[in-house]
Amino acid sequence: MPDTIESTTSSEEVSLTERAARRIAELLAQDAHKGAMLRIAVRGGGCSGFQYDFTFDDEKTADDRMIARDGAIVVIDDTSWELLRGSRLDYIEELIGARFEITNPNAASTCGCGTSFSIG
């Protein structure tokens, strides 16, 4: 599997929408995040068993997969990748606020706020 994966519609990959890529690129361009990448991880916890974790990281490890699109750089560790396989990351702006949203085909159920999920 290649080190850098362009956003794709393959059911085996994790993809970024244009909105998500644009917002990530904006965040990474800020002085506080110059040279960093957005790291997405799946951690145990939340009200459904697993939760998504978004952080900035300036280092890529040997078990990371990288997605690049339109100036956005996202890294995901192999373990999280398996739980996110086929997912799409989007950026949603609504009157009540803005957020990153993951559509995960591996999730059997999600909590009401959409930040945690369970595997069936």
C-alpha atoms as a PDB file:
ATOM      1  CA  MET A   1       0.000   0.000   0.000  1.00  0.00           C
ATOM      2  CA  PRO A   2       1.428   3.468  -0.858  1.00  0.00           C
ATOM      3  CA  ASP A   3       2.663   5.815   1.827  1.00  0.00           C
ATOM      4  CA  THR A   4       0.572   8.742   0.603  1.00  0.00           C
ATOM      5  CA  ILE A   5      -2.979   8.046  -0.464  1.00  0.00           C
ATOM      6  CA  GLU A   6      -4.957  10.570  -2.474  1.00  0.00           C
ATOM      7  CA  SER A   7      -8.591  10.970  -1.544  1.00  0.00           C
ATOM      8  CA  THR A   8     -10.513   8.212  -3.241  1.00  0.00           C
ATOM      9  CA  THR A   9     -13.895   6.536  -3.338  1.00  0.00           C
ATOM     10  CA  SER A  10     -12.479   3.030  -2.858  1.00  0.00           C
ATOM     11  CA  SER A  11     -14.199   1.098  -0.095  1.00  0.00           C
ATOM     12  CA  GLU A  12     -10.751   0.258   1.300  1.00  0.00           C
ATOM     13  CA  GLU A  13      -9.562   3.846   1.753  1.00  0.00           C
ATOM     14  CA  VAL A  14     -10.416   6.792   3.978  1.00  0.00           C
ATOM     15  CA  SER A  15     -11.419   9.864   1.991  1.00  0.00           C
ATOM     16  CA  LEU A  16     -11.695  13.602   2.577  1.00  0.00           C
ATOM     17  CA  THR A  17     -14.400  15.743   1.053  1.00  0.00           C
ATOM     18  CA  GLU A  18     -13.390  18.993  -0.602  1.00  0.00           C
ATOM     19  CA  ARG A  19     -14.873  20.946   2.360  1.00  0.00           C
ATOM     20  CA  ALA A  20     -12.881  18.903   4.882  1.00  0.00           C
ATOM     21  CA  ALA A  21      -9.659  19.272   2.897  1.00  0.00           C
ATOM     22  CA  ARG A  22     -10.159  23.028   2.607  1.00  0.00           C
ATOM     23  CA  ARG A  23     -10.795  23.443   6.370  1.00  0.00           C
ATOM     24  CA  ILE A  24      -7.839  21.211   7.334  1.00  0.00           C
ATOM     25  CA  ALA A  25      -5.554  23.181   4.986  1.00  0.00           C
ATOM     26  CA  GLU A  26      -6.774  26.439   6.601  1.00  0.00           C
ATOM     27  CA  LEU A  27      -6.024  25.095  10.088  1.00  0.00           C
ATOM     28  CA  LEU A  28      -2.593  23.792   9.062  1.00  0.00           C
ATOM     29  CA  ALA A  29      -1.729  27.194   7.557  1.00  0.00           C
ATOM     30  CA  GLN A  30      -2.146  28.933  10.924  1.00  0.00           C
ATOM     31  CA  ASP A  31       1.105  29.857  12.654  1.00  0.00           C
ATOM     32  CA  ALA A  32       0.393  27.556  15.601  1.00  0.00           C
ATOM     33  CA  HIS A  33       0.085  24.541  13.261  1.00  0.00           C
ATOM     34  CA  LYS A  34       2.694  25.257  10.562  1.00  0.00           C
ATOM     35  CA  GLY A  35       4.425  22.025   9.573  1.00  0.00           C
ATOM     36  CA  ALA A  36       1.834  19.886  11.363  1.00  0.00           C
ATOM     37  CA  MET A  37      -0.637  17.278  10.144  1.00  0.00           C
ATOM     38  CA  LEU A  38      -4.128  16.482  11.363  1.00  0.00           C
ATOM     39  CA  ARG A  39      -4.075  13.142  13.182  1.00  0.00           C
ATOM     40  CA  ILE A  40      -7.273  11.116  13.356  1.00  0.00           C
ATOM     41  CA  ALA A  41      -7.332   8.225  15.792  1.00  0.00           C
ATOM     42  CA  VAL A  42      -9.940   5.883  17.204  1.00  0.00           C
ATOM     43  CA  ARG A  43      -9.768   5.481  20.970  1.00  0.00           C
ATOM     44  CA  GLY A  44     -11.744   3.356  23.389  1.00  0.00           C
ATOM     45  CA  GLY A  45     -14.399   5.330  25.230  1.00  0.00           C
ATOM     46  CA  GLY A  46     -17.353   7.537  24.525  1.00  0.00           C
ATOM     47  CA  CYS A  47     -20.925   6.464  25.101  1.00  0.00           C
ATOM     48  CA  SER A  48     -20.844   3.837  22.308  1.00  0.00           C
ATOM     49  CA  GLY A  49     -17.474   2.133  22.899  1.00  0.00           C
ATOM     50  CA  PHE A  50     -15.110   3.952  20.499  1.00  0.00           C
ATOM     51  CA  GLN A  51     -14.579   7.643  19.901  1.00  0.00           C
ATOM     52  CA  TYR A  52     -12.839   9.743  17.271  1.00  0.00           C
ATOM     53  CA  ASP A  53      -9.837  11.778  18.363  1.00  0.00           C
ATOM     54  CA  PHE A  54      -8.589  14.762  16.305  1.00  0.00           C
ATOM     55  CA  THR A  55      -5.205  16.293  17.167  1.00  0.00           C
ATOM     56  CA  PHE A  56      -2.369  18.115  15.446  1.00  0.00           C
ATOM     57  CA  ASP A  57       0.901  16.243  15.138  1.00  0.00           C
ATOM     58  CA  ASP A  58       4.238  17.214  13.612  1.00  0.00           C
ATOM     59  CA  GLU A  59       5.578  13.649  13.409  1.00  0.00           C
ATOM     60  CA  LYS A  60       4.592  10.690  11.270  1.00  0.00           C
ATOM     61  CA  THR A  61       5.316   7.264  12.753  1.00  0.00           C
ATOM     62  CA  ALA A  62       6.169   4.050  10.912  1.00  0.00           C
ATOM     63  CA  ASP A  63       2.627   2.676  11.301  1.00  0.00           C
ATOM     64  CA  ASP A  64       0.878   5.818  10.020  1.00  0.00           C
ATOM     65  CA  ARG A  65      -1.008   6.093   6.763  1.00  0.00           C
ATOM     66  CA  MET A  66      -1.135   9.513   5.156  1.00  0.00           C
ATOM     67  CA  ILE A  67      -3.896  11.139   3.102  1.00  0.00           C
ATOM     68  CA  ALA A  68      -3.165  14.312   1.149  1.00  0.00           C
ATOM     69  CA  ARG A  69      -5.690  16.443  -0.699  1.00  0.00           C
ATOM     70  CA  ASP A  70      -5.644  20.124  -1.701  1.00  0.00           C
ATOM     71  CA  GLY A  71      -3.042  21.126   0.913  1.00  0.00           C
ATOM     72  CA  ALA A  72      -4.578  19.020   3.679  1.00  0.00           C
ATOM     73  CA  ILE A  73      -2.441  16.339   5.296  1.00  0.00           C
ATOM     74  CA  VAL A  74      -4.061  13.721   7.528  1.00  0.00           C
ATOM     75  CA  VAL A  75      -2.321  10.837   9.294  1.00  0.00           C
ATOM     76  CA  ILE A  76      -4.034   7.770  10.733  1.00  0.00           C
ATOM     77  CA  ASP A  77      -2.315   4.927  12.600  1.00  0.00           C
ATOM     78  CA  ASP A  78      -2.801   1.372  11.257  1.00  0.00           C
ATOM     79  CA  THR A  79      -5.070   0.245  14.106  1.00  0.00           C
ATOM     80  CA  SER A  80      -7.388   3.235  13.670  1.00  0.00           C
ATOM     81  CA  TRP A  81      -7.231   2.798   9.873  1.00  0.00           C
ATOM     82  CA  GLU A  82      -8.787  -0.665  10.202  1.00  0.00           C
ATOM     83  CA  LEU A  83     -11.732   0.824  12.135  1.00  0.00           C
ATOM     84  CA  LEU A  84     -12.032   3.743   9.684  1.00  0.00           C
ATOM     85  CA  ARG A  85     -11.604   1.759   6.431  1.00  0.00           C
ATOM     86  CA  GLY A  86     -14.054   3.103   3.831  1.00  0.00           C
ATOM     87  CA  SER A  87     -14.932   6.191   5.908  1.00  0.00           C
ATOM     88  CA  ARG A  88     -15.388   9.726   4.634  1.00  0.00           C
ATOM     89  CA  LEU A  89     -14.340  12.828   6.583  1.00  0.00           C
ATOM     90  CA  ASP A  90     -16.454  15.917   5.923  1.00  0.00           C
ATOM     91  CA  TYR A  91     -16.634  19.395   7.428  1.00  0.00           C
ATOM     92  CA  ILE A  92     -20.138  20.592   8.304  1.00  0.00           C
ATOM     93  CA  GLU A  93     -21.081  24.211   8.954  1.00  0.00           C
ATOM     94  CA  GLU A  94     -24.519  24.835  10.482  1.00  0.00           C
ATOM     95  CA  LEU A  95     -26.161  27.602  12.464  1.00  0.00           C
ATOM     96  CA  ILE A  96     -25.429  25.737  15.697  1.00  0.00           C
ATOM     97  CA  GLY A  97     -21.728  25.407  14.876  1.00  0.00           C
ATOM     98  CA  ALA A  98     -19.147  23.729  12.684  1.00  0.00           C
ATOM     99  CA  ARG A  99     -17.522  20.330  13.063  1.00  0.00           C
ATOM    100  CA  PHE A 100     -15.706  17.517  11.326  1.00  0.00           C
ATOM    101  CA  GLU A 101     -17.995  14.558  10.688  1.00  0.00           C
ATOM    102  CA  ILE A 102     -16.958  11.002   9.900  1.00  0.00           C
ATOM    103  CA  THR A 103     -19.282   8.739   7.947  1.00  0.00           C
ATOM    104  CA  ASN A 104     -18.033   5.310   8.958  1.00  0.00           C
ATOM    105  CA  PRO A 105     -19.501   2.239   7.209  1.00  0.00           C
ATOM    106  CA  ASN A 106     -17.932   0.019   9.903  1.00  0.00           C
ATOM    107  CA  ALA A 107     -19.987   1.558  12.707  1.00  0.00           C
ATOM    108  CA  ALA A 108     -22.944  -0.580  13.766  1.00  0.00           C
ATOM    109  CA  SER A 109     -24.348   2.324  15.796  1.00  0.00           C
ATOM    110  CA  THR A 110     -23.366   5.851  16.778  1.00  0.00           C
ATOM    111  CA  CYS A 111     -24.237   8.077  19.701  1.00  0.00           C
ATOM    112  CA  GLY A 112     -26.541  11.060  19.313  1.00  0.00           C
ATOM    113  CA  CYS A 113     -23.698  13.551  18.990  1.00  0.00           C
ATOM    114  CA  GLY A 114     -21.863  11.453  16.379  1.00  0.00           C
ATOM    115  CA  THR A 115     -18.502  11.442  18.151  1.00  0.00           C
ATOM    116  CA  SER A 116     -18.585   7.825  19.316  1.00  0.00           C
ATOM    117  CA  PHE A 117     -19.571   4.540  17.713  1.00  0.00           C
ATOM    118  CA  SER A 118     -19.733   0.797  18.209  1.00  0.00           C
ATOM    119  CA  ILE A 119     -18.698  -2.064  15.958  1.00  0.00           C
ATOM    120  CA  GLY A 120     -21.297  -4.784  15.382  1.00  0.00           C
END
